[in-house]
Amino acid sequence: EDETQLLQFLDSKFGKGQTNGPDFFYDPKYALRLCLKEKRMRACVRIYSMMSMHEEAVALALQVDPELAKAEADKVEDDEDLRKKLWLMIAKHVIEQEKGVKRENIRKAIAFLAETGDLLKIEDILPFFPDFVLIDDFKEEICKSLKDYNNQIEILKQEMNDATRGADNIRSDISALAQRYAVIDREEECGVCKRKILTAGALQQIGRGYTSMASMVPFYIFPCGHAFHAQCLIAHVTRCTSQSQAEYILNLQKQLSLLVSKAQKGTGGSGHDDPVTSTTSIDKISLPFIAPEEAEQMTSWEIRPQVSSAQKILPMTMSI
């Protein structure tokens, strides 16, 4: 029977409700059982598709009309693996149902491949043919498939070469970055406070929390040529960013201050006294020339006189 009106009803009631309303204004499972009971197969296929049961929809559509099955398979657009699986179901059905001449069946199968839009290859449908089919019948399609694979391999090789060159360029850039430097004019000014960038230690109070271990105030210079004192740059950036970013920057500044403070404490002891004239050299007077752990080595250097057996030791007497 004609199911046009029933299909129109299903289409009009599916997904046409109010905003955030139900997709169905009927129980789809009950509707499916009712359509199966009444042998309304096209309606069953439509309900299966509405319920995203695509494999069941295609399997049932193949019993009704292969063209309907193809239309259902094409509805799956966001899952290529599932779409390929559905088309394989159709291909198997089409090949098994062909009863004509072998070569005619092969031509129909090859024409079917064109309908899939390069989704299926000749090697995907070969298992569906009998074992006694001559390979010569597929020679043209197999050669075409091999050519496509060769093209893909060449593309992959080109991509690998490009990736290798890109990696080499990155390594070169990293190596060059370690040796990169900038030349600053002695009159160069800070882009924020307008004071000279090469400021001596007296102006270290510009950046609270920043202390240079050298005589210069810390500064940044960018590839474009702009230069800023470190604290001036931080103050300017925190004013121009969001609250969360400003807090993140200030937290990093605090951590950097702690690291600098620890570094200064670590170097303070070594630079406190002159190592030549301080008590460090005087304390060495009480140290032995040979340490206890070197006693065995000292014994190995001891010179002992050797007495031969021909020599006799005569007693010595002294008379008064």
C-alpha atoms as a PDB file:
ATOM      1  CA  GLU A   1       0.000   0.000   0.000  1.00  0.00           C
ATOM      2  CA  ASP A   2       0.927   3.611  -0.402  1.00  0.00           C
ATOM      3  CA  GLU A   3       2.608   4.869   2.773  1.00  0.00           C
ATOM      4  CA  THR A   4       2.958   8.492   1.646  1.00  0.00           C
ATOM      5  CA  GLN A   5       0.495   9.913   4.149  1.00  0.00           C
ATOM      6  CA  LEU A   6       1.990   7.886   7.000  1.00  0.00           C
ATOM      7  CA  LEU A   7       5.511   9.040   6.121  1.00  0.00           C
ATOM      8  CA  GLN A   8       4.318  12.649   5.961  1.00  0.00           C
ATOM      9  CA  PHE A   9       2.789  12.241   9.394  1.00  0.00           C
ATOM     10  CA  LEU A  10       6.023  10.851  10.823  1.00  0.00           C
ATOM     11  CA  ASP A  11       8.064  13.657   9.263  1.00  0.00           C
ATOM     12  CA  SER A  12       5.723  16.391  10.444  1.00  0.00           C
ATOM     13  CA  LYS A  13       5.637  15.122  14.016  1.00  0.00           C
ATOM     14  CA  PHE A  14       9.350  14.475  14.390  1.00  0.00           C
ATOM     15  CA  GLY A  15      11.424  17.397  15.672  1.00  0.00           C
ATOM     16  CA  LYS A  16       8.728  19.969  14.938  1.00  0.00           C
ATOM     17  CA  GLY A  17       7.616  20.639  18.502  1.00  0.00           C
ATOM     18  CA  GLN A  18       8.071  23.659  20.699  1.00  0.00           C
ATOM     19  CA  THR A  19      11.441  24.930  21.875  1.00  0.00           C
ATOM     20  CA  ASN A  20      12.939  22.458  24.367  1.00  0.00           C
ATOM     21  CA  GLY A  21       9.882  20.277  23.808  1.00  0.00           C
ATOM     22  CA  PRO A  22       9.829  16.539  23.081  1.00  0.00           C
ATOM     23  CA  ASP A  23      11.104  15.274  19.729  1.00  0.00           C
ATOM     24  CA  PHE A  24       8.216  12.844  19.461  1.00  0.00           C
ATOM     25  CA  PHE A  25       4.515  13.408  20.022  1.00  0.00           C
ATOM     26  CA  TYR A  26       4.053   9.661  20.069  1.00  0.00           C
ATOM     27  CA  ASP A  27       5.822   6.620  21.474  1.00  0.00           C
ATOM     28  CA  PRO A  28       8.287   5.632  18.694  1.00  0.00           C
ATOM     29  CA  LYS A  29       8.674   2.083  20.015  1.00  0.00           C
ATOM     30  CA  TYR A  30       4.933   1.535  20.016  1.00  0.00           C
ATOM     31  CA  ALA A  31       4.691   3.131  16.557  1.00  0.00           C
ATOM     32  CA  LEU A  32       7.422   0.781  15.331  1.00  0.00           C
ATOM     33  CA  ARG A  33       5.649  -2.309  16.668  1.00  0.00           C
ATOM     34  CA  LEU A  34       2.411  -1.140  15.095  1.00  0.00           C
ATOM     35  CA  CYS A  35       4.046  -0.525  11.691  1.00  0.00           C
ATOM     36  CA  LEU A  36       5.764  -3.930  11.783  1.00  0.00           C
ATOM     37  CA  LYS A  37       2.451  -5.576  12.574  1.00  0.00           C
ATOM     38  CA  GLU A  38       0.774  -3.798   9.661  1.00  0.00           C
ATOM     39  CA  LYS A  39       3.724  -4.493   7.295  1.00  0.00           C
ATOM     40  CA  ARG A  40       4.416  -0.792   6.710  1.00  0.00           C
ATOM     41  CA  MET A  41       8.119  -1.346   6.076  1.00  0.00           C
ATOM     42  CA  ARG A  42       9.002   2.090   4.731  1.00  0.00           C
ATOM     43  CA  ALA A  43       7.492   3.634   7.838  1.00  0.00           C
ATOM     44  CA  CYS A  44       9.529   1.217   9.968  1.00  0.00           C
ATOM     45  CA  VAL A  45      12.687   2.283   8.155  1.00  0.00           C
ATOM     46  CA  ARG A  46      11.821   5.909   8.819  1.00  0.00           C
ATOM     47  CA  ILE A  47      11.219   5.281  12.523  1.00  0.00           C
ATOM     48  CA  TYR A  48      14.486   3.332  12.849  1.00  0.00           C
ATOM     49  CA  SER A  49      16.289   6.269  11.272  1.00  0.00           C
ATOM     50  CA  MET A  50      14.562   8.730  13.620  1.00  0.00           C
ATOM     51  CA  MET A  51      15.764   6.650  16.585  1.00  0.00           C
ATOM     52  CA  SER A  52      19.368   6.685  15.200  1.00  0.00           C
ATOM     53  CA  MET A  53      19.210   2.923  14.665  1.00  0.00           C
ATOM     54  CA  HIS A  54      20.840   3.200  11.254  1.00  0.00           C
ATOM     55  CA  GLU A  55      22.035  -0.390  10.888  1.00  0.00           C
ATOM     56  CA  GLU A  56      18.512  -1.699  11.516  1.00  0.00           C
ATOM     57  CA  ALA A  57      17.123   0.894   9.116  1.00  0.00           C
ATOM     58  CA  VAL A  58      19.489  -0.139   6.308  1.00  0.00           C
ATOM     59  CA  ALA A  59      18.986  -3.869   6.930  1.00  0.00           C
ATOM     60  CA  LEU A  60      15.215  -3.454   6.712  1.00  0.00           C
ATOM     61  CA  ALA A  61      15.422  -1.098   3.730  1.00  0.00           C
ATOM     62  CA  LEU A  62      17.385  -3.713   1.766  1.00  0.00           C
ATOM     63  CA  GLN A  63      14.338  -5.970   2.004  1.00  0.00           C
ATOM     64  CA  VAL A  64      12.175  -3.221   0.517  1.00  0.00           C
ATOM     65  CA  ASP A  65      14.289  -1.229  -1.911  1.00  0.00           C
ATOM     66  CA  PRO A  66      18.108  -0.980  -2.233  1.00  0.00           C
ATOM     67  CA  GLU A  67      17.748   2.662  -3.258  1.00  0.00           C
ATOM     68  CA  LEU A  68      15.994   3.372   0.040  1.00  0.00           C
ATOM     69  CA  ALA A  69      18.910   1.690   1.840  1.00  0.00           C
ATOM     70  CA  LYS A  70      21.403   3.902  -0.002  1.00  0.00           C
ATOM     71  CA  ALA A  71      19.437   6.993   0.992  1.00  0.00           C
ATOM     72  CA  GLU A  72      19.461   5.872   4.635  1.00  0.00           C
ATOM     73  CA  ALA A  73      23.218   5.194   4.539  1.00  0.00           C
ATOM     74  CA  ASP A  74      23.884   8.688   3.201  1.00  0.00           C
ATOM     75  CA  LYS A  75      22.015  10.227   6.141  1.00  0.00           C
ATOM     76  CA  VAL A  76      24.987   9.383   8.384  1.00  0.00           C
ATOM     77  CA  GLU A  77      27.389  12.271   7.810  1.00  0.00           C
ATOM     78  CA  ASP A  78      29.225  12.748  11.108  1.00  0.00           C
ATOM     79  CA  ASP A  79      30.470   9.155  11.514  1.00  0.00           C
ATOM     80  CA  GLU A  80      32.507   7.941   8.538  1.00  0.00           C
ATOM     81  CA  ASP A  81      33.179   4.508  10.028  1.00  0.00           C
ATOM     82  CA  LEU A  82      29.460   3.843  10.518  1.00  0.00           C
ATOM     83  CA  ARG A  83      28.662   5.192   7.058  1.00  0.00           C
ATOM     84  CA  LYS A  84      31.247   2.859   5.525  1.00  0.00           C
ATOM     85  CA  LYS A  85      29.811  -0.079   7.474  1.00  0.00           C
ATOM     86  CA  LEU A  86      26.314   0.695   6.143  1.00  0.00           C
ATOM     87  CA  TRP A  87      27.547   0.891   2.557  1.00  0.00           C
ATOM     88  CA  LEU A  88      29.350  -2.435   2.996  1.00  0.00           C
ATOM     89  CA  MET A  89      26.055  -3.977   4.068  1.00  0.00           C
ATOM     90  CA  ILE A  90      24.484  -2.655   0.884  1.00  0.00           C
ATOM     91  CA  ALA A  91      27.418  -3.846  -1.263  1.00  0.00           C
ATOM     92  CA  LYS A  92      27.218  -7.366   0.147  1.00  0.00           C
ATOM     93  CA  HIS A  93      23.478  -7.492  -0.501  1.00  0.00           C
ATOM     94  CA  VAL A  94      23.807  -6.186  -4.058  1.00  0.00           C
ATOM     95  CA  ILE A  95      26.594  -8.632  -4.986  1.00  0.00           C
ATOM     96  CA  GLU A  96      24.856 -11.643  -3.472  1.00  0.00           C
ATOM     97  CA  GLN A  97      21.556 -10.806  -5.175  1.00  0.00           C
ATOM     98  CA  GLU A  98      23.012 -10.478  -8.671  1.00  0.00           C
ATOM     99  CA  LYS A  99      22.098 -13.519 -10.795  1.00  0.00           C
ATOM    100  CA  GLY A 100      23.325 -12.410 -14.210  1.00  0.00           C
ATOM    101  CA  VAL A 101      26.501 -13.099 -16.129  1.00  0.00           C
ATOM    102  CA  LYS A 102      29.659 -12.913 -14.054  1.00  0.00           C
ATOM    103  CA  ARG A 103      31.238 -10.093 -16.019  1.00  0.00           C
ATOM    104  CA  GLU A 104      27.957  -8.188 -15.936  1.00  0.00           C
ATOM    105  CA  ASN A 105      27.833  -8.585 -12.169  1.00  0.00           C
ATOM    106  CA  ILE A 106      31.388  -7.290 -11.883  1.00  0.00           C
ATOM    107  CA  ARG A 107      30.552  -4.242 -13.979  1.00  0.00           C
ATOM    108  CA  LYS A 108      27.563  -3.534 -11.737  1.00  0.00           C
ATOM    109  CA  ALA A 109      29.751  -3.892  -8.651  1.00  0.00           C
ATOM    110  CA  ILE A 110      32.306  -1.479 -10.070  1.00  0.00           C
ATOM    111  CA  ALA A 111      29.510   0.954 -10.929  1.00  0.00           C
ATOM    112  CA  PHE A 112      28.276   0.580  -7.354  1.00  0.00           C
ATOM    113  CA  LEU A 113      31.694   1.688  -6.088  1.00  0.00           C
ATOM    114  CA  ALA A 114      31.260   4.973  -7.943  1.00  0.00           C
ATOM    115  CA  GLU A 115      28.010   5.601  -6.072  1.00  0.00           C
ATOM    116  CA  THR A 116      29.813   5.469  -2.727  1.00  0.00           C
ATOM    117  CA  GLY A 117      31.881   8.519  -3.613  1.00  0.00           C
ATOM    118  CA  ASP A 118      35.296   6.943  -2.967  1.00  0.00           C
ATOM    119  CA  LEU A 119      34.091   5.706   0.415  1.00  0.00           C
ATOM    120  CA  LEU A 120      34.625   2.085  -0.639  1.00  0.00           C
ATOM    121  CA  LYS A 121      37.543   0.650  -2.596  1.00  0.00           C
ATOM    122  CA  ILE A 122      37.736  -2.448  -4.722  1.00  0.00           C
ATOM    123  CA  GLU A 123      39.542  -4.289  -1.923  1.00  0.00           C
ATOM    124  CA  ASP A 124      36.576  -3.634   0.387  1.00  0.00           C
ATOM    125  CA  ILE A 125      34.112  -5.579  -1.766  1.00  0.00           C
ATOM    126  CA  LEU A 126      36.395  -8.345  -3.064  1.00  0.00           C
ATOM    127  CA  PRO A 127      35.610 -10.640  -0.081  1.00  0.00           C
ATOM    128  CA  PHE A 128      31.949 -10.658  -1.149  1.00  0.00           C
ATOM    129  CA  PHE A 129      32.744 -12.342  -4.487  1.00  0.00           C
ATOM    130  CA  PRO A 130      33.184 -16.104  -4.910  1.00  0.00           C
ATOM    131  CA  ASP A 131      36.695 -17.524  -4.779  1.00  0.00           C
ATOM    132  CA  PHE A 132      36.585 -18.638  -8.411  1.00  0.00           C
ATOM    133  CA  VAL A 133      36.203 -15.126  -9.824  1.00  0.00           C
ATOM    134  CA  LEU A 134      39.147 -14.287 -12.091  1.00  0.00           C
ATOM    135  CA  ILE A 135      41.332 -11.452 -10.949  1.00  0.00           C
ATOM    136  CA  ASP A 136      41.544 -10.238 -14.552  1.00  0.00           C
ATOM    137  CA  ASP A 137      37.958  -9.079 -14.281  1.00  0.00           C
ATOM    138  CA  PHE A 138      39.056  -6.521 -11.663  1.00  0.00           C
ATOM    139  CA  LYS A 139      42.340  -5.606 -13.294  1.00  0.00           C
ATOM    140  CA  GLU A 140      41.368  -2.048 -14.161  1.00  0.00           C
ATOM    141  CA  GLU A 141      39.949  -1.240 -10.734  1.00  0.00           C
ATOM    142  CA  ILE A 142      42.847  -2.888  -8.913  1.00  0.00           C
ATOM    143  CA  CYS A 143      45.363  -0.879 -10.950  1.00  0.00           C
ATOM    144  CA  LYS A 144      43.405   2.262 -10.157  1.00  0.00           C
ATOM    145  CA  SER A 145      43.390   1.408  -6.469  1.00  0.00           C
ATOM    146  CA  LEU A 146      47.142   0.721  -6.471  1.00  0.00           C
ATOM    147  CA  LYS A 147      47.731   4.030  -8.205  1.00  0.00           C
ATOM    148  CA  ASP A 148      45.705   5.811  -5.545  1.00  0.00           C
ATOM    149  CA  TYR A 149      47.739   4.108  -2.824  1.00  0.00           C
ATOM    150  CA  ASN A 150      50.979   5.144  -4.518  1.00  0.00           C
ATOM    151  CA  ASN A 151      49.756   8.723  -4.646  1.00  0.00           C
ATOM    152  CA  GLN A 152      48.882   8.590  -0.961  1.00  0.00           C
ATOM    153  CA  ILE A 153      52.324   7.196  -0.156  1.00  0.00           C
ATOM    154  CA  GLU A 154      53.983  10.013  -2.094  1.00  0.00           C
ATOM    155  CA  ILE A 155      51.879  12.553  -0.225  1.00  0.00           C
ATOM    156  CA  LEU A 156      52.848  10.981   3.104  1.00  0.00           C
ATOM    157  CA  LYS A 157      56.516  11.030   2.098  1.00  0.00           C
ATOM    158  CA  GLN A 158      56.231  14.702   1.215  1.00  0.00           C
ATOM    159  CA  GLU A 159      54.565  15.437   4.543  1.00  0.00           C
ATOM    160  CA  MET A 160      57.308  13.537   6.374  1.00  0.00           C
ATOM    161  CA  ASN A 161      59.983  15.514   4.525  1.00  0.00           C
ATOM    162  CA  ASP A 162      58.202  18.757   5.348  1.00  0.00           C
ATOM    163  CA  ALA A 163      57.949  17.729   9.011  1.00  0.00           C
ATOM    164  CA  THR A 164      61.663  16.849   9.059  1.00  0.00           C
ATOM    165  CA  ARG A 165      62.605  20.192   7.532  1.00  0.00           C
ATOM    166  CA  GLY A 166      60.327  21.940  10.002  1.00  0.00           C
ATOM    167  CA  ALA A 167      62.004  20.146  12.920  1.00  0.00           C
ATOM    168  CA  ASP A 168      65.441  21.097  11.575  1.00  0.00           C
ATOM    169  CA  ASN A 169      64.339  24.713  11.265  1.00  0.00           C
ATOM    170  CA  ILE A 170      63.025  24.694  14.832  1.00  0.00           C
ATOM    171  CA  ARG A 171      66.308  23.268  16.133  1.00  0.00           C
ATOM    172  CA  SER A 172      68.217  25.922  14.213  1.00  0.00           C
ATOM    173  CA  ASP A 173      65.988  28.642  15.612  1.00  0.00           C
ATOM    174  CA  ILE A 174      66.462  27.340  19.156  1.00  0.00           C
ATOM    175  CA  SER A 175      70.225  27.242  18.662  1.00  0.00           C
ATOM    176  CA  ALA A 176      70.218  30.763  17.239  1.00  0.00           C
ATOM    177  CA  LEU A 177      67.994  31.986  20.066  1.00  0.00           C
ATOM    178  CA  ALA A 178      70.635  31.082  22.638  1.00  0.00           C
ATOM    179  CA  GLN A 179      73.126  33.330  20.820  1.00  0.00           C
ATOM    180  CA  ARG A 180      70.766  36.184  20.021  1.00  0.00           C
ATOM    181  CA  TYR A 181      71.655  39.619  21.383  1.00  0.00           C
ATOM    182  CA  ALA A 182      70.591  43.223  21.022  1.00  0.00           C
ATOM    183  CA  VAL A 183      72.607  46.436  20.918  1.00  0.00           C
ATOM    184  CA  ILE A 184      71.319  49.257  23.149  1.00  0.00           C
ATOM    185  CA  ASP A 185      72.341  52.877  22.835  1.00  0.00           C
ATOM    186  CA  ARG A 186      73.540  54.392  26.076  1.00  0.00           C
ATOM    187  CA  GLU A 187      70.864  57.075  25.714  1.00  0.00           C
ATOM    188  CA  GLU A 188      68.031  54.560  25.168  1.00  0.00           C
ATOM    189  CA  GLU A 189      65.004  55.394  27.317  1.00  0.00           C
ATOM    190  CA  CYS A 190      62.466  53.194  29.056  1.00  0.00           C
ATOM    191  CA  GLY A 191      59.181  53.159  27.184  1.00  0.00           C
ATOM    192  CA  VAL A 192      57.239  53.808  30.415  1.00  0.00           C
ATOM    193  CA  CYS A 193      59.224  55.974  32.834  1.00  0.00           C
ATOM    194  CA  LYS A 194      61.373  57.654  30.116  1.00  0.00           C
ATOM    195  CA  ARG A 195      64.516  57.177  32.195  1.00  0.00           C
ATOM    196  CA  LYS A 196      67.623  55.699  30.670  1.00  0.00           C
ATOM    197  CA  ILE A 197      67.565  51.948  30.305  1.00  0.00           C
ATOM    198  CA  LEU A 198      71.218  51.554  31.313  1.00  0.00           C
ATOM    199  CA  THR A 199      70.535  52.931  34.792  1.00  0.00           C
ATOM    200  CA  ALA A 200      73.126  52.345  37.491  1.00  0.00           C
ATOM    201  CA  GLY A 201      72.345  50.771  40.827  1.00  0.00           C
ATOM    202  CA  ALA A 202      71.040  53.953  42.421  1.00  0.00           C
ATOM    203  CA  LEU A 203      67.762  53.542  40.542  1.00  0.00           C
ATOM    204  CA  GLN A 204      67.211  49.920  41.568  1.00  0.00           C
ATOM    205  CA  GLN A 205      64.429  51.158  43.829  1.00  0.00           C
ATOM    206  CA  ILE A 206      62.268  51.529  40.668  1.00  0.00           C
ATOM    207  CA  GLY A 207      61.269  47.892  40.951  1.00  0.00           C
ATOM    208  CA  ARG A 208      60.351  46.844  44.455  1.00  0.00           C
ATOM    209  CA  GLY A 209      61.082  43.146  44.700  1.00  0.00           C
ATOM    210  CA  TYR A 210      63.569  43.272  41.774  1.00  0.00           C
ATOM    211  CA  THR A 211      67.222  43.418  42.689  1.00  0.00           C
ATOM    212  CA  SER A 212      69.971  43.067  40.153  1.00  0.00           C
ATOM    213  CA  MET A 213      73.098  41.172  41.119  1.00  0.00           C
ATOM    214  CA  ALA A 214      74.936  43.367  38.598  1.00  0.00           C
ATOM    215  CA  SER A 215      75.174  47.125  38.650  1.00  0.00           C
ATOM    216  CA  MET A 216      72.341  47.613  36.169  1.00  0.00           C
ATOM    217  CA  VAL A 217      68.619  47.698  36.772  1.00  0.00           C
ATOM    218  CA  PRO A 218      66.915  44.658  35.138  1.00  0.00           C
ATOM    219  CA  PHE A 219      65.326  45.513  31.815  1.00  0.00           C
ATOM    220  CA  TYR A 220      63.650  43.896  28.794  1.00  0.00           C
ATOM    221  CA  ILE A 221      64.274  44.630  25.145  1.00  0.00           C
ATOM    222  CA  PHE A 222      61.961  43.298  22.436  1.00  0.00           C
ATOM    223  CA  PRO A 223      62.755  42.374  18.813  1.00  0.00           C
ATOM    224  CA  CYS A 224      60.892  45.474  17.666  1.00  0.00           C
ATOM    225  CA  GLY A 225      63.427  47.628  19.540  1.00  0.00           C
ATOM    226  CA  HIS A 226      61.286  48.781  22.476  1.00  0.00           C
ATOM    227  CA  ALA A 227      62.984  48.576  25.859  1.00  0.00           C
ATOM    228  CA  PHE A 228      61.518  48.741  29.358  1.00  0.00           C
ATOM    229  CA  HIS A 229      62.741  48.498  32.919  1.00  0.00           C
ATOM    230  CA  ALA A 230      61.511  45.216  34.369  1.00  0.00           C
ATOM    231  CA  GLN A 231      59.367  46.789  37.055  1.00  0.00           C
ATOM    232  CA  CYS A 232      58.008  49.441  34.684  1.00  0.00           C
ATOM    233  CA  LEU A 233      56.974  46.733  32.243  1.00  0.00           C
ATOM    234  CA  ILE A 234      55.249  44.715  34.968  1.00  0.00           C
ATOM    235  CA  ALA A 235      53.389  47.761  36.269  1.00  0.00           C
ATOM    236  CA  HIS A 236      52.244  48.686  32.757  1.00  0.00           C
ATOM    237  CA  VAL A 237      51.138  45.141  31.850  1.00  0.00           C
ATOM    238  CA  THR A 238      49.201  44.622  35.101  1.00  0.00           C
ATOM    239  CA  ARG A 239      47.265  47.820  34.440  1.00  0.00           C
ATOM    240  CA  CYS A 240      46.302  46.692  30.932  1.00  0.00           C
ATOM    241  CA  THR A 241      45.284  43.109  31.723  1.00  0.00           C
ATOM    242  CA  SER A 242      42.431  41.455  33.570  1.00  0.00           C
ATOM    243  CA  GLN A 243      42.419  40.982  37.321  1.00  0.00           C
ATOM    244  CA  SER A 244      43.245  37.265  37.094  1.00  0.00           C
ATOM    245  CA  GLN A 245      46.163  37.842  34.723  1.00  0.00           C
ATOM    246  CA  ALA A 246      47.478  40.675  36.903  1.00  0.00           C
ATOM    247  CA  GLU A 247      47.381  38.429  39.983  1.00  0.00           C
ATOM    248  CA  TYR A 248      49.196  35.698  38.051  1.00  0.00           C
ATOM    249  CA  ILE A 249      51.949  38.140  37.009  1.00  0.00           C
ATOM    250  CA  LEU A 250      52.345  39.505  40.540  1.00  0.00           C
ATOM    251  CA  ASN A 251      52.568  35.966  41.896  1.00  0.00           C
ATOM    252  CA  LEU A 252      55.377  35.179  39.446  1.00  0.00           C
ATOM    253  CA  GLN A 253      57.091  38.419  40.493  1.00  0.00           C
ATOM    254  CA  LYS A 254      56.933  37.370  44.144  1.00  0.00           C
ATOM    255  CA  GLN A 255      58.429  33.943  43.341  1.00  0.00           C
ATOM    256  CA  LEU A 256      61.209  35.581  41.345  1.00  0.00           C
ATOM    257  CA  SER A 257      61.958  37.889  44.267  1.00  0.00           C
ATOM    258  CA  LEU A 258      62.332  34.891  46.583  1.00  0.00           C
ATOM    259  CA  LEU A 259      64.692  33.165  44.152  1.00  0.00           C
ATOM    260  CA  VAL A 260      66.836  36.312  43.838  1.00  0.00           C
ATOM    261  CA  SER A 261      66.921  36.686  47.615  1.00  0.00           C
ATOM    262  CA  LYS A 262      68.092  33.089  48.058  1.00  0.00           C
ATOM    263  CA  ALA A 263      70.739  33.573  45.379  1.00  0.00           C
ATOM    264  CA  GLN A 264      72.074  36.644  47.155  1.00  0.00           C
ATOM    265  CA  LYS A 265      72.255  34.765  50.445  1.00  0.00           C
ATOM    266  CA  GLY A 266      74.104  31.921  48.742  1.00  0.00           C
ATOM    267  CA  THR A 267      76.737  34.237  47.256  1.00  0.00           C
ATOM    268  CA  GLY A 268      77.009  36.505  50.294  1.00  0.00           C
ATOM    269  CA  GLY A 269      79.153  34.071  52.284  1.00  0.00           C
ATOM    270  CA  SER A 270      81.694  33.582  49.517  1.00  0.00           C
ATOM    271  CA  GLY A 271      82.205  37.296  49.008  1.00  0.00           C
ATOM    272  CA  HIS A 272      82.231  38.389  52.633  1.00  0.00           C
ATOM    273  CA  ASP A 273      85.998  38.024  53.327  1.00  0.00           C
ATOM    274  CA  ASP A 274      89.180  38.140  51.300  1.00  0.00           C
ATOM    275  CA  PRO A 275      90.235  34.459  50.975  1.00  0.00           C
ATOM    276  CA  VAL A 276      93.939  35.405  51.082  1.00  0.00           C
ATOM    277  CA  THR A 277      94.113  37.727  54.096  1.00  0.00           C
ATOM    278  CA  SER A 278      91.131  36.562  56.141  1.00  0.00           C
ATOM    279  CA  THR A 279      90.956  34.046  58.983  1.00  0.00           C
ATOM    280  CA  THR A 280      90.328  31.340  56.421  1.00  0.00           C
ATOM    281  CA  SER A 281      94.042  31.251  55.556  1.00  0.00           C
ATOM    282  CA  ILE A 282      95.106  31.557  59.219  1.00  0.00           C
ATOM    283  CA  ASP A 283      93.016  28.534  60.198  1.00  0.00           C
ATOM    284  CA  LYS A 284      94.967  26.408  57.720  1.00  0.00           C
ATOM    285  CA  ILE A 285      98.129  26.672  59.918  1.00  0.00           C
ATOM    286  CA  SER A 286      96.778  24.078  62.340  1.00  0.00           C
ATOM    287  CA  LEU A 287      96.050  21.588  59.572  1.00  0.00           C
ATOM    288  CA  PRO A 288      98.640  18.785  59.039  1.00  0.00           C
ATOM    289  CA  PHE A 289     100.505  18.622  55.788  1.00  0.00           C
ATOM    290  CA  ILE A 290      99.419  15.025  55.345  1.00  0.00           C
ATOM    291  CA  ALA A 291      95.821  14.140  56.077  1.00  0.00           C
ATOM    292  CA  PRO A 292      95.053  10.955  58.065  1.00  0.00           C
ATOM    293  CA  GLU A 293      93.483   9.307  55.035  1.00  0.00           C
ATOM    294  CA  GLU A 294      96.787   9.763  53.177  1.00  0.00           C
ATOM    295  CA  ALA A 295      98.869   7.842  55.768  1.00  0.00           C
ATOM    296  CA  GLU A 296      98.938   4.628  53.736  1.00  0.00           C
ATOM    297  CA  GLN A 297     100.103   6.483  50.669  1.00  0.00           C
ATOM    298  CA  MET A 298     102.822   8.196  52.703  1.00  0.00           C
ATOM    299  CA  THR A 299     104.073   4.799  53.951  1.00  0.00           C
ATOM    300  CA  SER A 300     104.427   3.582  50.380  1.00  0.00           C
ATOM    301  CA  TRP A 301     106.876   6.413  49.718  1.00  0.00           C
ATOM    302  CA  GLU A 302     109.062   5.622  52.773  1.00  0.00           C
ATOM    303  CA  ILE A 303     112.702   4.751  51.879  1.00  0.00           C
ATOM    304  CA  ARG A 304     114.150   1.825  53.880  1.00  0.00           C
ATOM    305  CA  PRO A 305     117.865   0.745  53.657  1.00  0.00           C
ATOM    306  CA  GLN A 306     118.415  -2.838  52.510  1.00  0.00           C
ATOM    307  CA  VAL A 307     121.136  -4.941  54.351  1.00  0.00           C
ATOM    308  CA  SER A 308     122.816  -7.734  52.355  1.00  0.00           C
ATOM    309  CA  SER A 309     123.656 -11.154  53.843  1.00  0.00           C
ATOM    310  CA  ALA A 310     127.420 -10.585  53.249  1.00  0.00           C
ATOM    311  CA  GLN A 311     127.459  -7.673  55.551  1.00  0.00           C
ATOM    312  CA  LYS A 312     127.888  -8.324  59.239  1.00  0.00           C
ATOM    313  CA  ILE A 313     126.882  -6.072  61.984  1.00  0.00           C
ATOM    314  CA  LEU A 314     129.738  -5.812  64.474  1.00  0.00           C
ATOM    315  CA  PRO A 315     129.128  -4.731  68.014  1.00  0.00           C
ATOM    316  CA  MET A 316     130.675  -1.412  68.875  1.00  0.00           C
ATOM    317  CA  THR A 317     132.269  -0.871  72.229  1.00  0.00           C
ATOM    318  CA  MET A 318     133.372   2.358  73.682  1.00  0.00           C
ATOM    319  CA  SER A 319     136.107   2.626  76.234  1.00  0.00           C
ATOM    320  CA  ILE A 320     136.486   5.503  78.566  1.00  0.00           C
END
